[in-house]
Amino acid sequence: MKVSRFVPQVYYKESRDFSYIGRLYEIVFNYLKTGVDLVSSNPLDDDVSTSIIDLLATTLGFESKHEYTIKDLVAICSAFSYMLKKKGTLESIETCVRALFHT
């Protein structure tokens, strides 16, 4: 991805700081995209490895003092992003309770 394709050229020609920030964004974004493209399995499949689920839980911001099985972490991670998107609503609370009862 090239940031220069999405912004007016005057930003790159006139602002050295903007061009550095744009290049930095390109490096980070392309690094993350490469990492995502190299994941060979769906992180929410039943036969996923423990390290990928732990990484997914950490990436989503899920931290717990309890030890969960892989199946439980898959259920929590699949519901966690939805709960964050709908935070503060009754629907997210019901989803949270269902996920915790499932585990």
N, C-alpha and C. Protein backbone atom coordinates (compact mmCIF):
# COMPACT_ATOMS: atom_id res chain seq x y z
N MET A 1 0.84 -1.17 0.00
CA MET A 1 0.00 0.00 0.00
C MET A 1 0.88 1.24 0.00
N LYS A 2 0.55 2.17 -0.82
CA LYS A 2 1.28 3.43 -0.91
C LYS A 2 0.37 4.56 -0.45
N VAL A 3 0.80 5.27 0.58
CA VAL A 3 0.02 6.40 1.08
C VAL A 3 -0.03 7.51 0.04
N SER A 4 1.02 7.63 -0.75
CA SER A 4 1.08 8.70 -1.74
C SER A 4 -0.04 8.60 -2.78
N ARG A 5 -0.60 7.42 -2.95
CA ARG A 5 -1.72 7.27 -3.89
C ARG A 5 -3.04 7.81 -3.35
N PHE A 6 -3.12 7.96 -2.03
CA PHE A 6 -4.39 8.35 -1.41
C PHE A 6 -4.44 9.79 -0.94
N VAL A 7 -3.32 10.49 -0.99
CA VAL A 7 -3.28 11.89 -0.54
C VAL A 7 -2.77 12.76 -1.67
N PRO A 8 -3.08 14.04 -1.63
CA PRO A 8 -2.56 14.94 -2.67
C PRO A 8 -1.03 14.96 -2.67
N GLN A 9 -0.44 15.09 -3.84
CA GLN A 9 1.02 15.07 -3.98
C GLN A 9 1.70 16.22 -3.27
N VAL A 10 0.97 17.30 -3.05
CA VAL A 10 1.59 18.46 -2.39
C VAL A 10 2.07 18.10 -0.98
N TYR A 11 1.40 17.15 -0.33
CA TYR A 11 1.84 16.75 1.01
C TYR A 11 3.22 16.10 0.96
N TYR A 12 3.44 15.26 -0.03
CA TYR A 12 4.73 14.59 -0.14
C TYR A 12 5.82 15.54 -0.63
N LYS A 13 5.47 16.47 -1.53
CA LYS A 13 6.48 17.36 -2.09
C LYS A 13 6.88 18.47 -1.12
N GLU A 14 5.92 18.97 -0.34
CA GLU A 14 6.18 20.12 0.51
C GLU A 14 6.54 19.76 1.95
N SER A 15 6.08 18.65 2.44
CA SER A 15 6.28 18.31 3.84
C SER A 15 7.14 17.06 3.97
N ARG A 16 8.36 17.27 4.43
CA ARG A 16 9.25 16.14 4.64
C ARG A 16 8.75 15.28 5.79
N ASP A 17 8.19 15.92 6.82
CA ASP A 17 7.66 15.17 7.96
C ASP A 17 6.51 14.27 7.55
N PHE A 18 5.62 14.78 6.72
CA PHE A 18 4.49 13.98 6.27
C PHE A 18 4.97 12.79 5.45
N SER A 19 5.96 13.01 4.61
CA SER A 19 6.45 11.89 3.80
C SER A 19 7.11 10.83 4.67
N TYR A 20 7.81 11.24 5.74
CA TYR A 20 8.39 10.25 6.66
C TYR A 20 7.30 9.48 7.39
N ILE A 21 6.28 10.18 7.84
CA ILE A 21 5.18 9.51 8.54
C ILE A 21 4.44 8.58 7.58
N GLY A 22 4.25 9.01 6.34
CA GLY A 22 3.62 8.16 5.34
C GLY A 22 4.42 6.90 5.06
N ARG A 23 5.74 7.05 4.95
CA ARG A 23 6.58 5.87 4.73
C ARG A 23 6.56 4.94 5.93
N LEU A 24 6.58 5.52 7.12
CA LEU A 24 6.52 4.70 8.33
C LEU A 24 5.21 3.93 8.39
N TYR A 25 4.11 4.58 8.06
CA TYR A 25 2.81 3.92 8.02
C TYR A 25 2.82 2.78 7.00
N GLU A 26 3.41 3.03 5.84
CA GLU A 26 3.49 1.98 4.81
C GLU A 26 4.27 0.78 5.30
N ILE A 27 5.37 1.01 5.98
CA ILE A 27 6.19 -0.09 6.49
C ILE A 27 5.41 -0.91 7.51
N VAL A 28 4.78 -0.24 8.47
CA VAL A 28 4.03 -0.94 9.51
C VAL A 28 2.85 -1.69 8.91
N PHE A 29 2.10 -1.03 8.04
CA PHE A 29 0.92 -1.65 7.44
C PHE A 29 1.31 -2.86 6.61
N ASN A 30 2.35 -2.73 5.79
CA ASN A 30 2.77 -3.85 4.94
C ASN A 30 3.33 -5.00 5.78
N TYR A 31 4.00 -4.69 6.89
CA TYR A 31 4.49 -5.74 7.79
C TYR A 31 3.32 -6.51 8.39
N LEU A 32 2.30 -5.78 8.86
CA LEU A 32 1.13 -6.44 9.44
C LEU A 32 0.37 -7.25 8.40
N LYS A 33 0.24 -6.69 7.20
CA LYS A 33 -0.47 -7.40 6.15
C LYS A 33 0.25 -8.69 5.77
N THR A 34 1.57 -8.64 5.72
CA THR A 34 2.34 -9.84 5.42
C THR A 34 2.13 -10.89 6.50
N GLY A 35 2.11 -10.47 7.76
CA GLY A 35 1.87 -11.41 8.85
C GLY A 35 0.49 -12.04 8.77
N VAL A 36 -0.50 -11.26 8.40
CA VAL A 36 -1.86 -11.78 8.28
C VAL A 36 -1.96 -12.73 7.09
N ASP A 37 -1.31 -12.38 5.99
CA ASP A 37 -1.37 -13.24 4.80
C ASP A 37 -0.68 -14.58 5.03
N LEU A 38 0.30 -14.62 5.93
CA LEU A 38 1.03 -15.86 6.16
C LEU A 38 0.35 -16.80 7.15
N VAL A 39 -0.71 -16.34 7.81
CA VAL A 39 -1.45 -17.23 8.70
C VAL A 39 -2.21 -18.21 7.82
N SER A 40 -1.89 -19.48 8.00
CA SER A 40 -2.43 -20.48 7.08
C SER A 40 -3.81 -20.98 7.48
N SER A 41 -4.19 -20.80 8.73
CA SER A 41 -5.49 -21.31 9.15
C SER A 41 -6.31 -20.19 9.76
N ASN A 42 -7.59 -20.41 9.79
CA ASN A 42 -8.49 -19.46 10.42
C ASN A 42 -8.26 -19.51 11.93
N PRO A 43 -8.02 -18.37 12.58
CA PRO A 43 -7.74 -18.40 14.01
C PRO A 43 -8.89 -18.93 14.86
N LEU A 44 -10.07 -19.00 14.32
CA LEU A 44 -11.20 -19.45 15.11
C LEU A 44 -11.64 -20.86 14.74
N ASP A 45 -10.80 -21.61 14.04
CA ASP A 45 -11.08 -23.02 13.76
C ASP A 45 -10.83 -23.86 15.00
N ASP A 46 -11.34 -25.08 14.99
CA ASP A 46 -11.15 -25.96 16.15
C ASP A 46 -9.74 -26.52 16.25
N ASP A 47 -9.03 -26.63 15.12
CA ASP A 47 -7.70 -27.23 15.15
C ASP A 47 -6.57 -26.19 15.11
N VAL A 48 -6.79 -25.06 15.75
CA VAL A 48 -5.80 -23.98 15.75
C VAL A 48 -4.78 -24.21 16.87
N SER A 49 -3.57 -23.71 16.68
CA SER A 49 -2.53 -23.92 17.69
C SER A 49 -2.71 -22.95 18.86
N THR A 50 -2.12 -23.31 19.97
CA THR A 50 -2.24 -22.52 21.19
C THR A 50 -1.60 -21.15 21.03
N SER A 51 -0.48 -21.07 20.34
CA SER A 51 0.23 -19.80 20.21
C SER A 51 -0.60 -18.78 19.42
N ILE A 52 -1.31 -19.22 18.39
CA ILE A 52 -2.11 -18.29 17.61
C ILE A 52 -3.29 -17.78 18.44
N ILE A 53 -3.91 -18.64 19.22
CA ILE A 53 -5.02 -18.20 20.06
C ILE A 53 -4.53 -17.24 21.14
N ASP A 54 -3.39 -17.53 21.74
CA ASP A 54 -2.84 -16.61 22.73
C ASP A 54 -2.52 -15.26 22.11
N LEU A 55 -1.98 -15.27 20.89
CA LEU A 55 -1.69 -14.03 20.19
C LEU A 55 -2.97 -13.28 19.86
N LEU A 56 -3.99 -13.98 19.44
CA LEU A 56 -5.27 -13.36 19.14
C LEU A 56 -5.87 -12.74 20.39
N ALA A 57 -5.83 -13.45 21.50
CA ALA A 57 -6.36 -12.92 22.76
C ALA A 57 -5.59 -11.68 23.20
N THR A 58 -4.28 -11.71 23.07
CA THR A 58 -3.47 -10.56 23.44
C THR A 58 -3.72 -9.38 22.51
N THR A 59 -3.85 -9.65 21.21
CA THR A 59 -4.12 -8.59 20.25
C THR A 59 -5.46 -7.93 20.50
N LEU A 60 -6.46 -8.71 20.86
CA LEU A 60 -7.78 -8.15 21.14
C LEU A 60 -7.82 -7.44 22.48
N GLY A 61 -6.80 -7.61 23.31
CA GLY A 61 -6.77 -6.96 24.61
C GLY A 61 -7.38 -7.79 25.71
N PHE A 62 -7.57 -9.07 25.46
CA PHE A 62 -8.16 -9.94 26.47
C PHE A 62 -7.07 -10.47 27.38
N GLU A 63 -7.12 -10.07 28.63
CA GLU A 63 -6.17 -10.57 29.62
C GLU A 63 -6.96 -11.16 30.78
N SER A 64 -6.52 -12.29 31.26
CA SER A 64 -7.24 -12.96 32.33
C SER A 64 -6.26 -13.61 33.28
N LYS A 65 -6.67 -13.74 34.52
CA LYS A 65 -5.86 -14.43 35.51
C LYS A 65 -6.15 -15.92 35.51
N HIS A 66 -7.17 -16.34 34.78
CA HIS A 66 -7.57 -17.74 34.72
C HIS A 66 -6.95 -18.41 33.50
N GLU A 67 -6.78 -19.71 33.58
CA GLU A 67 -6.30 -20.50 32.45
C GLU A 67 -7.52 -21.10 31.74
N TYR A 68 -7.61 -20.85 30.45
CA TYR A 68 -8.71 -21.37 29.65
C TYR A 68 -8.18 -22.40 28.67
N THR A 69 -9.05 -23.31 28.28
CA THR A 69 -8.68 -24.25 27.23
C THR A 69 -8.76 -23.53 25.89
N ILE A 70 -8.22 -24.18 24.86
CA ILE A 70 -8.23 -23.57 23.52
C ILE A 70 -9.65 -23.34 23.04
N LYS A 71 -10.52 -24.29 23.28
CA LYS A 71 -11.91 -24.16 22.85
C LYS A 71 -12.59 -22.98 23.54
N ASP A 72 -12.29 -22.80 24.83
CA ASP A 72 -12.87 -21.68 25.56
C ASP A 72 -12.32 -20.34 25.05
N LEU A 73 -11.00 -20.29 24.77
CA LEU A 73 -10.42 -19.05 24.25
C LEU A 73 -10.96 -18.70 22.87
N VAL A 74 -11.22 -19.70 22.06
CA VAL A 74 -11.82 -19.45 20.74
C VAL A 74 -13.20 -18.83 20.91
N ALA A 75 -13.98 -19.35 21.82
CA ALA A 75 -15.33 -18.81 22.05
C ALA A 75 -15.26 -17.39 22.59
N ILE A 76 -14.34 -17.14 23.50
CA ILE A 76 -14.23 -15.80 24.09
C ILE A 76 -13.72 -14.81 23.04
N CYS A 77 -12.70 -15.18 22.28
CA CYS A 77 -12.13 -14.26 21.29
C CYS A 77 -13.12 -13.96 20.17
N SER A 78 -13.91 -14.94 19.79
CA SER A 78 -14.89 -14.69 18.72
C SER A 78 -15.98 -13.74 19.20
N ALA A 79 -16.28 -13.75 20.47
CA ALA A 79 -17.31 -12.85 20.99
C ALA A 79 -16.74 -11.53 21.49
N PHE A 80 -15.44 -11.50 21.80
CA PHE A 80 -14.85 -10.33 22.45
C PHE A 80 -14.88 -9.09 21.56
N SER A 81 -14.52 -9.24 20.29
CA SER A 81 -14.53 -8.08 19.39
C SER A 81 -15.94 -7.56 19.19
N TYR A 82 -16.91 -8.46 19.13
CA TYR A 82 -18.31 -8.04 19.00
C TYR A 82 -18.75 -7.28 20.25
N MET A 83 -18.34 -7.78 21.42
CA MET A 83 -18.72 -7.11 22.67
C MET A 83 -18.11 -5.72 22.75
N LEU A 84 -16.88 -5.55 22.28
CA LEU A 84 -16.26 -4.23 22.30
C LEU A 84 -16.95 -3.27 21.35
N LYS A 85 -17.37 -3.79 20.19
CA LYS A 85 -18.06 -2.94 19.22
C LYS A 85 -19.40 -2.46 19.77
N LYS A 86 -20.08 -3.31 20.50
CA LYS A 86 -21.41 -2.98 21.04
C LYS A 86 -21.37 -2.63 22.52
N LYS A 87 -20.20 -2.20 23.03
CA LYS A 87 -20.05 -1.99 24.47
C LYS A 87 -21.08 -1.00 25.01
N GLY A 88 -21.53 -1.30 26.22
CA GLY A 88 -22.50 -0.45 26.87
C GLY A 88 -23.94 -0.79 26.55
N THR A 89 -24.19 -1.76 25.70
CA THR A 89 -25.55 -2.13 25.36
C THR A 89 -25.92 -3.43 26.04
N LEU A 90 -27.20 -3.66 26.13
CA LEU A 90 -27.69 -4.91 26.72
C LEU A 90 -27.27 -6.11 25.89
N GLU A 91 -27.19 -5.92 24.58
CA GLU A 91 -26.80 -6.99 23.68
C GLU A 91 -25.36 -7.46 23.97
N SER A 92 -24.46 -6.53 24.24
CA SER A 92 -23.08 -6.93 24.55
C SER A 92 -22.98 -7.62 25.90
N ILE A 93 -23.78 -7.21 26.84
CA ILE A 93 -23.78 -7.87 28.15
C ILE A 93 -24.30 -9.30 28.02
N GLU A 94 -25.36 -9.48 27.24
CA GLU A 94 -25.88 -10.84 27.03
C GLU A 94 -24.86 -11.72 26.32
N THR A 95 -24.15 -11.16 25.35
CA THR A 95 -23.12 -11.92 24.64
C THR A 95 -21.99 -12.30 25.59
N CYS A 96 -21.62 -11.39 26.46
CA CYS A 96 -20.57 -11.66 27.44
C CYS A 96 -20.98 -12.78 28.39
N VAL A 97 -22.19 -12.72 28.87
CA VAL A 97 -22.67 -13.74 29.79
C VAL A 97 -22.73 -15.11 29.10
N ARG A 98 -23.21 -15.12 27.85
CA ARG A 98 -23.25 -16.38 27.10
C ARG A 98 -21.86 -16.95 26.88
N ALA A 99 -20.90 -16.10 26.57
CA ALA A 99 -19.52 -16.56 26.35
C ALA A 99 -18.93 -17.12 27.63
N LEU A 100 -19.18 -16.46 28.74
CA LEU A 100 -18.65 -16.93 30.02
C LEU A 100 -19.33 -18.23 30.47
N PHE A 101 -20.62 -18.36 30.23
CA PHE A 101 -21.30 -19.62 30.54
C PHE A 101 -20.81 -20.75 29.64
N HIS A 102 -20.46 -20.41 28.40
CA HIS A 102 -19.95 -21.41 27.48
C HIS A 102 -18.62 -21.97 27.95
N THR A 103 -17.83 -21.12 28.60
CA THR A 103 -16.51 -21.56 29.06
C THR A 103 -16.63 -22.24 30.40
